[in-house]
Amino acid sequence: MERHIVTISGGGFSEETDAYIDNYIVRIKRKDSPIKICFVATASNDAQGYIDKFYSAFQHEEPAHLTIKDFSLPNIQAIVNAFDIVYIGGGHTQSMLKVWRSTDFDRVLINAYKQGVILAGISAGAMCWFEHCTSENSEQEYEPFQGLGLLKGALCPHYNDPIRKQHFDEWAKKENLSPLYLLEDHENLHFINENCVAKIST
């Protein structure tokens, strides 16, 4: 069974209409019937406007979303396993991971991935799959933390931002991290079975 992760750095439905990268993700799992795609907006604290944009972008599929309160549902693993794709939104990466770990939703996502559910995400939803992460904390200072570890190394989205670039480069060199994935806005990676097979620029 193939395992897929798509990491997105800028773009997608939150910024574009009929975004190429979103269509690319859907085509991975294209079937005769609409695909079941779920949005998780934990990193933006379940921002309703963000969720509304998701439903508009994927209205021709079978869209759904999960909020933080849904993570405690007794059948949450079965719910997530039934989706074709889980799409993680951008926002505050570290707070998102803290919520997931406190509710065991991190394990739910990992288990679903192992069962063939496609994982995709933008910015925070791109970094989180890697072993190592660094991002702004609540004081807007950069600090390192552990990702979910599905993919080796670390990823920096929005690498065209000079402050983010400088911090990431210094941190990665100090920690001797490898491999490193550096994505400017509108650059994206497709991993199959934990191997990077394509870089998609949109």
Protein backbone atom coordinates (compact mmCIF):
# COMPACT_ATOMS: atom_id res chain seq x y z
CA MET A 1 0.00 0.00 0.00
CA GLU A 2 1.45 3.36 -1.05
CA ARG A 3 1.72 6.12 1.56
CA HIS A 4 1.50 9.73 0.38
CA ILE A 5 2.34 13.07 1.98
CA VAL A 6 2.14 16.40 0.11
CA THR A 7 3.77 19.44 1.71
CA ILE A 8 2.62 22.88 0.57
CA SER A 9 4.44 26.19 1.06
CA GLY A 10 2.03 29.01 0.26
CA GLY A 11 -0.82 28.94 -2.23
CA GLY A 12 -3.62 26.44 -2.21
CA PHE A 13 -7.30 27.15 -1.65
CA SER A 14 -6.69 29.78 1.04
CA GLU A 15 -5.05 32.07 -1.53
CA GLU A 16 -6.19 30.85 -4.96
CA THR A 17 -9.26 29.76 -6.87
CA ASP A 18 -9.00 26.32 -8.46
CA ALA A 19 -5.45 25.96 -7.10
CA TYR A 20 -3.21 23.60 -9.07
CA ILE A 21 -1.70 21.99 -5.97
CA ASP A 22 -5.15 21.17 -4.58
CA ASN A 23 -6.14 19.54 -7.87
CA TYR A 24 -2.83 17.65 -7.80
CA ILE A 25 -3.63 16.23 -4.36
CA VAL A 26 -7.10 15.14 -5.45
CA ARG A 27 -5.72 13.42 -8.55
CA ILE A 28 -3.53 11.17 -6.40
CA LYS A 29 -6.70 9.48 -5.18
CA ARG A 30 -9.03 10.19 -8.11
CA LYS A 31 -11.85 7.69 -8.40
CA ASP A 32 -15.02 7.51 -10.46
CA SER A 33 -16.90 8.99 -7.49
CA PRO A 34 -15.99 12.13 -5.52
CA ILE A 35 -13.18 11.69 -3.02
CA LYS A 36 -13.65 12.05 0.72
CA ILE A 37 -11.42 14.89 1.89
CA CYS A 38 -11.23 16.22 5.44
CA PHE A 39 -9.87 19.58 6.61
CA VAL A 40 -8.19 20.02 10.00
CA ALA A 41 -7.69 23.66 11.01
CA THR A 42 -6.19 23.17 14.47
CA ALA A 43 -3.25 25.49 13.73
CA SER A 44 -5.65 28.40 13.18
CA ASN A 45 -7.79 27.40 16.20
CA ASP A 46 -10.54 26.15 13.89
CA ALA A 47 -10.98 29.52 12.17
CA GLN A 48 -14.44 29.44 10.58
CA GLY A 49 -13.49 31.57 7.59
CA TYR A 50 -10.67 29.17 6.76
CA ILE A 51 -13.03 26.20 7.01
CA ASP A 52 -15.56 27.96 4.76
CA LYS A 53 -12.88 28.47 2.08
CA PHE A 54 -12.09 24.76 2.21
CA TYR A 55 -15.72 23.78 1.60
CA SER A 56 -15.95 26.21 -1.31
CA ALA A 57 -12.75 24.88 -2.90
CA PHE A 58 -13.72 21.22 -2.61
CA GLN A 59 -17.47 21.50 -3.16
CA HIS A 60 -17.37 18.98 -6.01
CA GLU A 61 -15.80 16.34 -3.78
CA GLU A 62 -17.11 15.04 -0.43
CA PRO A 63 -15.64 17.60 1.97
CA ALA A 64 -15.74 17.37 5.75
CA HIS A 65 -13.81 18.91 8.63
CA LEU A 66 -12.77 18.01 12.14
CA THR A 67 -12.51 20.51 14.97
CA ILE A 68 -10.54 20.19 18.19
CA LYS A 69 -13.59 18.95 20.09
CA ASP A 70 -14.01 16.11 17.57
CA PHE A 71 -10.63 14.63 18.49
CA SER A 72 -12.15 13.15 21.65
CA LEU A 73 -14.87 11.21 19.82
CA PRO A 74 -14.67 7.52 20.77
CA ASN A 75 -14.65 6.44 17.11
CA ILE A 76 -12.27 9.14 15.84
CA GLN A 77 -9.82 6.58 14.39
CA ALA A 78 -12.52 4.95 12.28
CA ILE A 79 -13.75 8.38 11.15
CA VAL A 80 -10.30 9.46 9.96
CA ASN A 81 -9.49 6.10 8.37
CA ALA A 82 -12.60 6.46 6.19
CA PHE A 83 -11.27 9.57 4.43
CA ASP A 84 -9.24 9.47 1.24
CA ILE A 85 -7.30 12.63 2.14
CA VAL A 86 -6.69 14.61 5.33
CA TYR A 87 -5.66 18.21 4.59
CA ILE A 88 -4.01 20.18 7.43
CA GLY A 89 -4.30 23.97 7.45
CA GLY A 90 -1.65 26.56 8.27
CA GLY A 91 -1.18 28.60 11.40
CA HIS A 92 0.67 28.00 14.66
CA THR A 93 2.55 24.72 14.30
CA GLN A 94 3.67 24.19 17.88
CA SER A 95 0.27 24.85 19.45
CA MET A 96 -1.31 22.51 16.87
CA LEU A 97 1.04 19.68 17.82
CA LYS A 98 0.42 20.26 21.53
CA VAL A 99 -3.34 19.91 20.97
CA TRP A 100 -2.88 16.78 18.87
CA ARG A 101 -0.62 15.16 21.45
CA SER A 102 -2.88 16.03 24.36
CA THR A 103 -5.82 14.33 22.61
CA ASP A 104 -3.84 11.51 20.93
CA PHE A 105 -4.91 12.85 17.54
CA ASP A 106 -1.26 12.62 16.49
CA ARG A 107 -1.52 8.84 16.83
CA VAL A 108 -4.79 8.85 14.92
CA LEU A 109 -3.15 10.61 11.96
CA ILE A 110 -0.11 8.32 12.03
CA ASN A 111 -2.32 5.23 12.09
CA ALA A 112 -4.46 6.56 9.23
CA TYR A 113 -1.34 7.28 7.18
CA LYS A 114 -0.18 3.70 7.65
CA GLN A 115 -3.58 2.56 6.35
CA GLY A 116 -3.15 4.57 3.14
CA VAL A 117 -4.93 7.84 3.96
CA ILE A 118 -3.19 10.64 2.05
CA LEU A 119 -1.82 13.44 4.25
CA ALA A 120 -1.46 16.96 2.88
CA GLY A 121 -0.87 20.29 4.53
CA ILE A 122 0.19 23.87 4.08
CA SER A 123 2.88 25.65 6.12
CA ALA A 124 2.26 24.33 9.66
CA GLY A 125 0.55 21.39 7.98
CA ALA A 126 3.71 20.82 5.92
CA MET A 127 6.30 21.07 8.70
CA CYS A 128 4.54 18.85 11.19
CA TRP A 129 5.26 15.53 9.43
CA PHE A 130 9.03 15.83 9.88
CA GLU A 131 11.28 14.78 12.76
CA HIS A 132 12.38 18.31 13.59
CA CYS A 133 10.57 21.65 13.46
CA THR A 134 11.30 25.25 14.28
CA SER A 135 8.77 28.06 14.22
CA GLU A 136 7.52 31.11 16.08
CA ASN A 137 6.22 30.62 19.61
CA SER A 138 3.57 32.75 21.31
CA GLU A 139 6.18 35.49 21.86
CA GLN A 140 6.98 35.48 18.13
CA GLU A 141 10.41 34.04 18.85
CA TYR A 142 11.69 31.01 16.94
CA GLU A 143 12.22 27.82 18.90
CA PRO A 144 12.74 24.15 18.02
CA PHE A 145 10.37 21.28 18.81
CA GLN A 146 9.72 17.74 17.71
CA GLY A 147 7.46 16.95 14.76
CA LEU A 148 5.55 13.74 14.17
CA GLY A 149 8.54 11.99 12.65
CA LEU A 150 6.87 10.42 9.63
CA LEU A 151 9.51 12.04 7.42
CA LYS A 152 13.22 12.37 8.13
CA GLY A 153 14.92 15.71 8.70
CA ALA A 154 13.23 19.09 8.63
CA LEU A 155 11.32 21.35 6.27
CA CYS A 156 11.23 25.14 6.10
CA PRO A 157 8.21 26.63 4.30
CA HIS A 158 8.22 30.29 3.22
CA TYR A 159 12.01 30.10 2.83
CA ASN A 160 11.88 33.31 0.80
CA ASP A 161 11.20 35.21 4.06
CA PRO A 162 14.67 36.51 5.09
CA ILE A 163 14.12 36.29 8.86
CA ARG A 164 12.74 32.76 8.67
CA LYS A 165 15.53 31.74 6.28
CA GLN A 166 18.28 33.08 8.54
CA HIS A 167 16.89 31.41 11.65
CA PHE A 168 16.32 28.08 9.93
CA ASP A 169 19.79 28.03 8.36
CA GLU A 170 21.51 28.80 11.69
CA TRP A 171 19.42 26.22 13.58
CA ALA A 172 19.89 23.47 10.99
CA LYS A 173 23.65 24.03 10.86
CA LYS A 174 23.97 24.07 14.65
CA GLU A 175 21.98 20.84 15.03
CA ASN A 176 23.59 19.23 11.95
CA LEU A 177 20.16 18.27 10.61
CA SER A 178 19.67 16.21 7.46
CA PRO A 179 17.94 16.00 5.10
CA LEU A 180 16.67 19.58 4.75
CA TYR A 181 13.81 20.69 2.51
CA LEU A 182 13.69 24.41 1.71
CA LEU A 183 10.49 25.63 0.06
CA GLU A 184 9.73 29.13 -1.08
CA ASP A 185 6.08 30.14 -1.41
CA HIS A 186 4.22 28.13 -4.07
CA GLU A 187 6.74 25.31 -3.95
CA ASN A 188 5.52 21.88 -2.87
CA LEU A 189 6.83 18.35 -2.35
CA HIS A 190 5.24 14.96 -2.90
CA PHE A 191 6.49 12.03 -0.81
CA ILE A 192 5.62 8.40 -1.55
CA ASN A 193 6.55 5.83 1.09
CA GLU A 194 8.62 8.53 2.84
CA ASN A 195 10.69 9.25 -0.29
CA CYS A 196 10.51 12.62 -2.05
CA VAL A 197 9.44 11.88 -5.63
CA ALA A 198 8.44 15.30 -6.99
CA LYS A 199 8.80 19.03 -6.47
CA ILE A 200 5.84 20.99 -7.78
CA SER A 201 6.11 24.72 -8.41
CA THR A 202 2.85 26.60 -8.91
